[in-house]
Amino acid sequence: MQGAFHKTFQKIHDKQIPKGDCLVNDYEIRRLFMKYKDFIALFEGNFEKVKTYLGWSADKRIVIMMASYYTAKGKVFSPQSFNEVIEAIKQQTKWYHTLRTSVNLQNSIAMLLDGKGDATTLITDLLANEEVLKAAKFSRTQYSYIAASVFPKVEGNKAVIAENAQKLYKAIRKHHPFLTSNEDIPYVVLLSSGDDTSEVRAETMNRYYKELRKFDFYIGNELQWLSQILTFHSANYVEHLVPYVVEIRKQLQENGIKLKYMHYPLLGFVAVAGVKSDQIEELSQLYKELSQIKQFRWYKDAILSVVVQKLLNDHVSINESHEMSIVTSLEALIQAEQAMVITATMAAVVASSSSSSSN
């Protein structure tokens, strides 16, 4: 079952890939993974705490998303800490502000910023980042606030980064005018820096998109997001990434995981993180364990996202004693994954609400 897959991973992790191109160093994954029962117990506890805090009317997908976020970090949800961010949002915005009119967005932003410093300062910075994006001609939507919350933490002029993000957005839109929308804003912001690589990166994304189509990946937003994620390390095309993604999909399917379009971006995160074959086996086993708990009964599509979040967060802990560049890259990758989860979850909630109102 793992013959071709194992060979692909060997090429990536042995001599054929230059040192530093892969984020994940060799380590004994079983020793460092939280025991399944402890992880599940923490998730169930966080689920109940989040559900109690948000109230009975909260969409369960939002509850699962938030419970997963804290659990993947090995943290217990604290209503007090979370509420400090909510209050800071209310103190610095008017009642008609986007962060106030969309409760799901407000909770998502509070989740991302919770525990990362003084709440008032964090919201001040968030609003300032969003203003920078607005000045760069990005539409003011819930997605621009998600992008503002994950704005690259690099030295330099934020306005330049925002302008380069706008260039990347336009370059992507040239290739896929019907697929590119406000939902892509967090991605283009995360992938931009003070250097303008927009045209090259957009060309590379389009090439990944076309190459993946040859392996029966279906056209759509999810495939576009996957192609964007694959440029995380480099704006230039990397030959091994497409076969890597294909093999990851193959092993997950062979392990009984039913993949849907919505899971395409997650395959990209697993590939860019440099996950190895035995780690895919661990991921698959945890997926099966989580499938048994009642909170996922009607939301099984969210399980793979939960497992990937945990995998990425574990990688940060594992690499803390290694080069800072590796840790920084992993943390940025986690930010991208979190932005994707929020975007996808909110889109699913909106779609569900629209469907319900039309029936």
Protein backbone atom coordinates (compact mmCIF):
# COMPACT_ATOMS: atom_id res chain seq x y z
CA MET A 1 0.00 0.00 0.00
CA GLN A 2 2.79 2.45 0.87
CA GLY A 3 5.32 1.58 -1.83
CA ALA A 4 5.01 4.60 -4.13
CA PHE A 5 4.08 6.81 -1.24
CA HIS A 6 7.15 5.82 0.74
CA LYS A 7 9.42 6.46 -2.26
CA THR A 8 7.97 9.92 -2.75
CA PHE A 9 8.56 10.82 0.90
CA GLN A 10 12.08 9.45 0.74
CA LYS A 11 12.87 11.71 -2.21
CA ILE A 12 11.54 14.69 -0.30
CA HIS A 13 13.29 13.99 2.97
CA ASP A 14 16.57 12.60 1.66
CA LYS A 15 19.24 14.11 -0.59
CA GLN A 16 17.01 15.18 -3.45
CA ILE A 17 15.44 18.10 -1.58
CA PRO A 18 17.82 20.86 -0.34
CA LYS A 19 18.08 21.22 3.42
CA GLY A 20 15.69 23.85 4.72
CA ASP A 21 13.01 23.33 2.04
CA CYS A 22 10.97 21.17 4.40
CA LEU A 23 9.62 22.57 7.66
CA VAL A 24 9.53 19.37 9.64
CA ASN A 25 12.70 17.80 11.02
CA ASP A 26 12.91 14.10 11.77
CA TYR A 27 11.47 13.20 15.15
CA GLU A 28 9.66 10.43 16.93
CA ILE A 29 6.06 11.48 16.38
CA ARG A 30 4.48 8.90 18.69
CA ARG A 31 6.46 10.12 21.67
CA LEU A 32 5.23 13.68 21.28
CA PHE A 33 1.63 13.27 20.19
CA MET A 34 -0.89 13.80 22.97
CA LYS A 35 -2.58 10.51 23.80
CA TYR A 36 -5.80 10.15 21.84
CA LYS A 37 -7.94 9.83 24.91
CA ASP A 38 -6.48 13.00 26.44
CA PHE A 39 -6.92 14.95 23.22
CA ILE A 40 -10.52 13.79 22.84
CA ALA A 41 -11.28 14.57 26.49
CA LEU A 42 -9.85 18.09 26.04
CA PHE A 43 -11.88 18.60 22.87
CA GLU A 44 -15.11 17.45 24.53
CA GLY A 45 -14.45 19.74 27.49
CA ASN A 46 -13.72 22.71 25.23
CA PHE A 47 -16.77 21.96 23.13
CA GLU A 48 -19.03 22.19 26.17
CA LYS A 49 -17.33 25.35 27.43
CA VAL A 50 -17.60 27.09 24.05
CA LYS A 51 -21.19 25.96 23.57
CA THR A 52 -22.12 27.29 27.01
CA TYR A 53 -20.41 30.61 26.34
CA LEU A 54 -21.93 31.16 22.88
CA GLY A 55 -25.40 29.96 23.84
CA TRP A 56 -27.85 27.42 22.49
CA SER A 57 -28.45 29.31 19.24
CA ALA A 58 -24.81 29.19 18.09
CA ASP A 59 -24.15 27.20 14.92
CA LYS A 60 -22.46 23.92 15.87
CA ARG A 61 -19.88 24.38 13.10
CA ILE A 62 -18.65 27.54 14.82
CA VAL A 63 -18.58 25.73 18.17
CA ILE A 64 -16.57 22.84 16.68
CA MET A 65 -14.19 25.25 14.96
CA MET A 66 -13.47 27.10 18.19
CA ALA A 67 -13.21 23.96 20.32
CA SER A 68 -10.80 22.48 17.78
CA TYR A 69 -8.65 25.61 17.74
CA TYR A 70 -8.04 25.59 21.49
CA THR A 71 -7.69 21.82 21.70
CA ALA A 72 -5.09 21.69 18.92
CA LYS A 73 -3.02 24.15 20.94
CA GLY A 74 -3.47 22.03 24.06
CA LYS A 75 -5.38 24.83 25.80
CA VAL A 76 -8.58 25.01 27.80
CA PHE A 77 -11.08 27.60 26.55
CA SER A 78 -11.28 30.48 29.05
CA PRO A 79 -14.51 32.53 28.82
CA GLN A 80 -12.83 35.32 30.79
CA SER A 81 -9.84 35.64 28.46
CA PHE A 82 -12.00 35.31 25.36
CA ASN A 83 -14.47 37.90 26.61
CA GLU A 84 -11.66 40.43 27.10
CA VAL A 85 -11.14 40.45 23.33
CA ILE A 86 -14.89 40.69 22.68
CA GLU A 87 -15.11 43.69 25.00
CA ALA A 88 -12.12 45.33 23.32
CA ILE A 89 -13.87 44.95 19.96
CA LYS A 90 -17.01 46.56 21.34
CA GLN A 91 -15.08 49.42 22.91
CA GLN A 92 -13.30 50.31 19.67
CA THR A 93 -16.09 49.86 17.12
CA LYS A 94 -19.57 51.23 16.49
CA TRP A 95 -22.64 49.01 16.68
CA TYR A 96 -22.94 48.92 12.86
CA HIS A 97 -19.29 47.91 12.35
CA THR A 98 -18.66 44.66 10.43
CA LEU A 99 -17.08 43.14 13.53
CA ARG A 100 -20.27 43.85 15.44
CA THR A 101 -22.91 42.94 12.85
CA SER A 102 -21.40 39.50 12.19
CA VAL A 103 -21.31 37.56 15.45
CA ASN A 104 -19.54 34.64 13.78
CA LEU A 105 -16.80 36.94 12.50
CA GLN A 106 -16.47 38.60 15.90
CA ASN A 107 -16.09 35.24 17.64
CA SER A 108 -13.60 34.03 15.02
CA ILE A 109 -11.40 37.12 15.39
CA ALA A 110 -11.59 36.91 19.19
CA MET A 111 -10.52 33.26 18.96
CA LEU A 112 -7.47 34.12 16.84
CA LEU A 113 -6.35 36.94 19.16
CA ASP A 114 -7.24 35.35 22.50
CA GLY A 115 -4.21 35.01 24.75
CA LYS A 116 -1.80 36.78 22.39
CA GLY A 117 -1.36 39.94 24.44
CA ASP A 118 -3.24 42.97 25.67
CA ALA A 119 -6.71 42.79 24.12
CA THR A 120 -7.03 46.55 23.56
CA THR A 121 -3.68 46.73 21.75
CA LEU A 122 -4.49 43.67 19.63
CA ILE A 123 -7.77 45.16 18.41
CA THR A 124 -6.12 48.54 17.76
CA ASP A 125 -3.53 46.77 15.59
CA LEU A 126 -6.21 44.71 13.85
CA LEU A 127 -8.24 47.77 12.90
CA ALA A 128 -5.08 49.54 11.73
CA ASN A 129 -4.17 46.56 9.54
CA GLU A 130 -7.64 46.56 8.01
CA GLU A 131 -7.30 50.26 7.20
CA VAL A 132 -4.04 49.49 5.40
CA LEU A 133 -5.84 46.85 3.33
CA LYS A 134 -8.67 49.29 2.59
CA ALA A 135 -6.13 51.86 1.40
CA ALA A 136 -4.75 49.19 -0.95
CA LYS A 137 -8.22 48.95 -2.56
CA PHE A 138 -9.39 45.74 -0.91
CA SER A 139 -13.11 45.57 -0.28
CA ARG A 140 -14.12 45.92 3.35
CA THR A 141 -15.70 42.56 4.14
CA GLN A 142 -15.49 39.88 6.79
CA TYR A 143 -12.59 38.41 4.81
CA SER A 144 -10.56 41.61 4.99
CA TYR A 145 -10.80 41.42 8.78
CA ILE A 146 -9.65 37.81 8.75
CA ALA A 147 -6.71 38.96 6.60
CA ALA A 148 -6.01 41.83 9.01
CA SER A 149 -5.84 39.42 11.93
CA VAL A 150 -3.16 37.32 10.21
CA PHE A 151 -1.21 40.18 8.62
CA PRO A 152 2.43 39.07 8.21
CA LYS A 153 4.53 39.99 11.22
CA VAL A 154 7.57 41.24 9.33
CA GLU A 155 9.68 44.34 9.43
CA GLY A 156 8.90 46.87 6.76
CA ASN A 157 6.16 49.01 5.37
CA LYS A 158 2.76 47.36 5.82
CA ALA A 159 1.40 49.51 3.02
CA VAL A 160 3.89 47.92 0.61
CA ILE A 161 2.85 44.44 1.71
CA ALA A 162 -0.82 45.33 1.21
CA GLU A 163 -0.11 46.80 -2.23
CA ASN A 164 1.78 43.66 -3.25
CA ALA A 165 -1.14 41.57 -1.94
CA GLN A 166 -3.46 43.58 -4.18
CA LYS A 167 -1.14 42.95 -7.14
CA LEU A 168 -1.20 39.23 -6.36
CA TYR A 169 -4.99 39.26 -6.09
CA LYS A 170 -5.27 40.88 -9.53
CA ALA A 171 -2.69 38.52 -11.02
CA ILE A 172 -4.60 35.48 -9.74
CA ARG A 173 -7.83 36.93 -11.08
CA LYS A 174 -6.34 37.13 -14.58
CA HIS A 175 -6.02 33.35 -14.58
CA HIS A 176 -9.27 32.58 -12.75
CA PRO A 177 -11.68 35.53 -13.00
CA PHE A 178 -14.72 33.53 -11.94
CA LEU A 179 -13.08 31.75 -8.99
CA THR A 180 -11.22 34.66 -7.43
CA SER A 181 -13.25 36.57 -4.86
CA ASN A 182 -13.07 38.24 -1.47
CA GLU A 183 -12.53 34.82 0.09
CA ASP A 184 -9.01 34.86 -1.39
CA ILE A 185 -7.98 38.03 0.47
CA PRO A 186 -6.53 36.26 3.56
CA TYR A 187 -4.41 34.03 1.32
CA VAL A 188 -2.93 36.82 -0.82
CA VAL A 189 -2.08 38.82 2.30
CA LEU A 190 -0.37 35.87 3.97
CA LEU A 191 1.61 35.11 0.81
CA SER A 192 2.81 38.67 0.27
CA SER A 193 5.86 40.51 1.59
CA GLY A 194 7.87 43.60 0.85
CA ASP A 195 9.08 41.99 -2.37
CA ASP A 196 6.72 41.92 -5.32
CA THR A 197 6.52 38.32 -6.59
CA SER A 198 2.89 38.59 -7.66
CA GLU A 199 3.19 37.72 -11.35
CA VAL A 200 5.56 34.78 -10.79
CA ARG A 201 3.51 33.44 -7.87
CA ALA A 202 0.24 33.70 -9.77
CA GLU A 203 1.77 31.85 -12.73
CA THR A 204 3.01 29.15 -10.37
CA MET A 205 -0.42 28.83 -8.74
CA ASN A 206 -2.00 28.41 -12.14
CA ARG A 207 0.53 25.73 -13.07
CA TYR A 208 -0.17 23.81 -9.84
CA TYR A 209 -3.88 24.14 -10.55
CA LYS A 210 -3.51 22.71 -14.08
CA GLU A 211 -1.17 19.91 -13.00
CA LEU A 212 -3.48 18.80 -10.20
CA ARG A 213 -6.38 18.70 -12.64
CA LYS A 214 -4.51 15.92 -14.46
CA PHE A 215 -4.86 13.79 -11.31
CA ASP A 216 -8.64 14.16 -11.05
CA PHE A 217 -8.76 17.11 -8.71
CA TYR A 218 -11.99 18.94 -9.52
CA ILE A 219 -12.09 22.57 -10.59
CA GLY A 220 -13.34 25.11 -8.07
CA ASN A 221 -12.42 27.43 -5.22
CA GLU A 222 -11.00 24.61 -3.12
CA LEU A 223 -8.50 23.61 -5.82
CA GLN A 224 -7.52 27.25 -6.26
CA TRP A 225 -6.87 27.54 -2.51
CA LEU A 226 -4.80 24.36 -2.64
CA SER A 227 -2.71 25.79 -5.48
CA GLN A 228 -2.19 28.99 -3.49
CA ILE A 229 -1.05 27.11 -0.39
CA LEU A 230 1.55 25.19 -2.41
CA THR A 231 3.37 28.49 -3.06
CA PHE A 232 3.86 29.03 0.68
CA HIS A 233 7.60 28.31 0.55
CA SER A 234 8.38 29.64 -2.86
CA ALA A 235 6.81 31.73 -5.62
CA ASN A 236 8.56 29.39 -8.07
CA TYR A 237 7.22 26.01 -9.14
CA VAL A 238 8.53 23.08 -7.04
CA GLU A 239 8.47 19.83 -8.99
CA HIS A 240 7.88 17.42 -6.11
CA LEU A 241 4.80 19.10 -4.61
CA VAL A 242 2.12 17.87 -7.02
CA PRO A 243 3.10 14.17 -6.78
CA TYR A 244 3.46 14.70 -3.02
CA VAL A 245 -0.13 15.95 -2.73
CA VAL A 246 -1.37 13.12 -4.92
CA GLU A 247 0.34 10.53 -2.73
CA ILE A 248 -0.97 12.10 0.47
CA ARG A 249 -4.49 11.92 -0.92
CA LYS A 250 -3.93 8.31 -1.92
CA GLN A 251 -2.77 7.16 1.50
CA LEU A 252 -5.57 9.00 3.30
CA GLN A 253 -8.12 7.34 1.05
CA GLU A 254 -6.50 3.95 1.52
CA ASN A 255 -6.82 4.52 5.26
CA GLY A 256 -10.56 4.92 4.88
CA ILE A 257 -10.81 8.72 4.98
CA LYS A 258 -13.43 10.07 2.61
CA LEU A 259 -12.06 13.24 1.05
CA LYS A 260 -14.27 15.97 -0.38
CA TYR A 261 -13.57 19.17 -2.29
CA MET A 262 -13.46 21.12 0.98
CA HIS A 263 -10.48 19.04 2.10
CA TYR A 264 -8.24 20.02 -0.84
CA PRO A 265 -6.56 22.94 1.01
CA LEU A 266 -5.78 20.63 3.95
CA LEU A 267 -3.79 18.38 1.63
CA GLY A 268 -1.74 21.43 0.75
CA PHE A 269 -0.99 22.22 4.39
CA VAL A 270 0.08 18.63 5.04
CA ALA A 271 2.36 18.71 1.98
CA VAL A 272 3.93 22.09 2.73
CA ALA A 273 4.58 21.02 6.33
CA GLY A 274 6.56 18.08 4.96
CA VAL A 275 4.58 15.38 6.75
CA LYS A 276 6.03 11.89 6.36
CA SER A 277 4.37 8.56 5.70
CA ASP A 278 4.28 7.33 9.29
CA GLN A 279 2.77 10.65 10.36
CA ILE A 280 -0.01 10.18 7.81
CA GLU A 281 -0.73 6.89 9.53
CA GLU A 282 -0.93 8.69 12.90
CA LEU A 283 -3.17 11.36 11.39
CA SER A 284 -5.47 8.69 9.99
CA GLN A 285 -5.72 6.86 13.28
CA LEU A 286 -6.62 10.02 15.19
CA TYR A 287 -9.20 10.80 12.51
CA LYS A 288 -10.84 7.44 13.16
CA GLU A 289 -10.83 8.01 16.91
CA LEU A 290 -12.46 11.43 16.55
CA SER A 291 -15.08 9.97 14.21
CA GLN A 292 -16.48 8.05 17.17
CA ILE A 293 -17.38 11.03 19.35
CA LYS A 294 -20.91 12.37 19.36
CA GLN A 295 -20.10 16.03 18.67
CA PHE A 296 -19.02 15.09 15.15
CA ARG A 297 -22.09 12.98 14.41
CA TRP A 298 -23.49 15.48 11.89
CA TYR A 299 -20.25 17.31 11.10
CA LYS A 300 -17.78 14.60 10.12
CA ASP A 301 -16.38 16.76 7.31
CA ALA A 302 -14.69 18.92 9.98
CA ILE A 303 -12.65 16.08 11.48
CA LEU A 304 -9.73 16.21 9.04
CA SER A 305 -9.32 19.91 9.73
CA VAL A 306 -9.13 19.19 13.48
CA VAL A 307 -6.43 16.57 12.97
CA VAL A 308 -4.36 18.77 10.64
CA GLN A 309 -4.55 21.66 13.14
CA LYS A 310 -3.21 19.39 15.85
CA LEU A 311 -0.48 18.05 13.58
CA LEU A 312 0.76 21.55 12.71
CA ASN A 313 0.68 22.74 16.31
CA ASP A 314 2.60 19.66 17.41
CA HIS A 315 5.24 20.49 14.81
CA VAL A 316 5.77 23.91 16.39
CA SER A 317 6.32 22.34 19.82
CA ILE A 318 8.67 19.77 18.36
CA ASN A 319 10.78 22.33 16.51
CA GLU A 320 11.01 24.98 19.25
CA SER A 321 14.59 23.96 19.98
CA HIS A 322 15.59 24.16 16.32
CA GLU A 323 16.19 27.09 13.98
CA MET A 324 13.92 30.08 14.56
CA SER A 325 13.22 30.24 10.83
CA ILE A 326 11.58 26.80 11.01
CA VAL A 327 9.37 27.80 13.95
CA THR A 328 8.44 31.10 12.31
CA SER A 329 7.53 29.35 9.07
CA LEU A 330 5.42 26.79 10.90
CA GLU A 331 3.60 29.48 12.85
CA ALA A 332 2.85 31.35 9.63
CA LEU A 333 1.61 28.09 8.11
CA ILE A 334 -0.69 27.58 11.09
CA GLN A 335 -2.03 31.10 10.63
CA ALA A 336 -2.81 30.29 7.01
CA GLU A 337 -4.58 27.08 8.02
CA GLN A 338 -6.59 28.91 10.66
CA ALA A 339 -7.62 31.57 8.16
CA MET A 340 -8.71 28.82 5.78
CA VAL A 341 -10.76 27.06 8.47
CA ILE A 342 -12.52 30.28 9.48
CA THR A 343 -13.22 31.23 5.86
CA ALA A 344 -14.56 27.79 4.99
CA THR A 345 -16.62 27.49 8.19
CA MET A 346 -18.22 30.89 7.80
CA ALA A 347 -18.97 30.21 4.13
CA ALA A 348 -20.62 26.91 5.11
CA VAL A 349 -22.74 28.60 7.77
CA VAL A 350 -23.86 31.31 5.33
CA ALA A 351 -24.67 28.71 2.67
CA SER A 352 -26.67 26.66 5.18
CA SER A 353 -28.60 29.71 6.34
CA SER A 354 -29.40 30.71 2.76
CA SER A 355 -30.57 27.19 1.96
CA SER A 356 -32.80 27.09 5.04
CA SER A 357 -34.38 30.47 4.32
CA SER A 358 -35.19 29.49 0.72
CA ASN A 359 -37.02 26.30 1.71
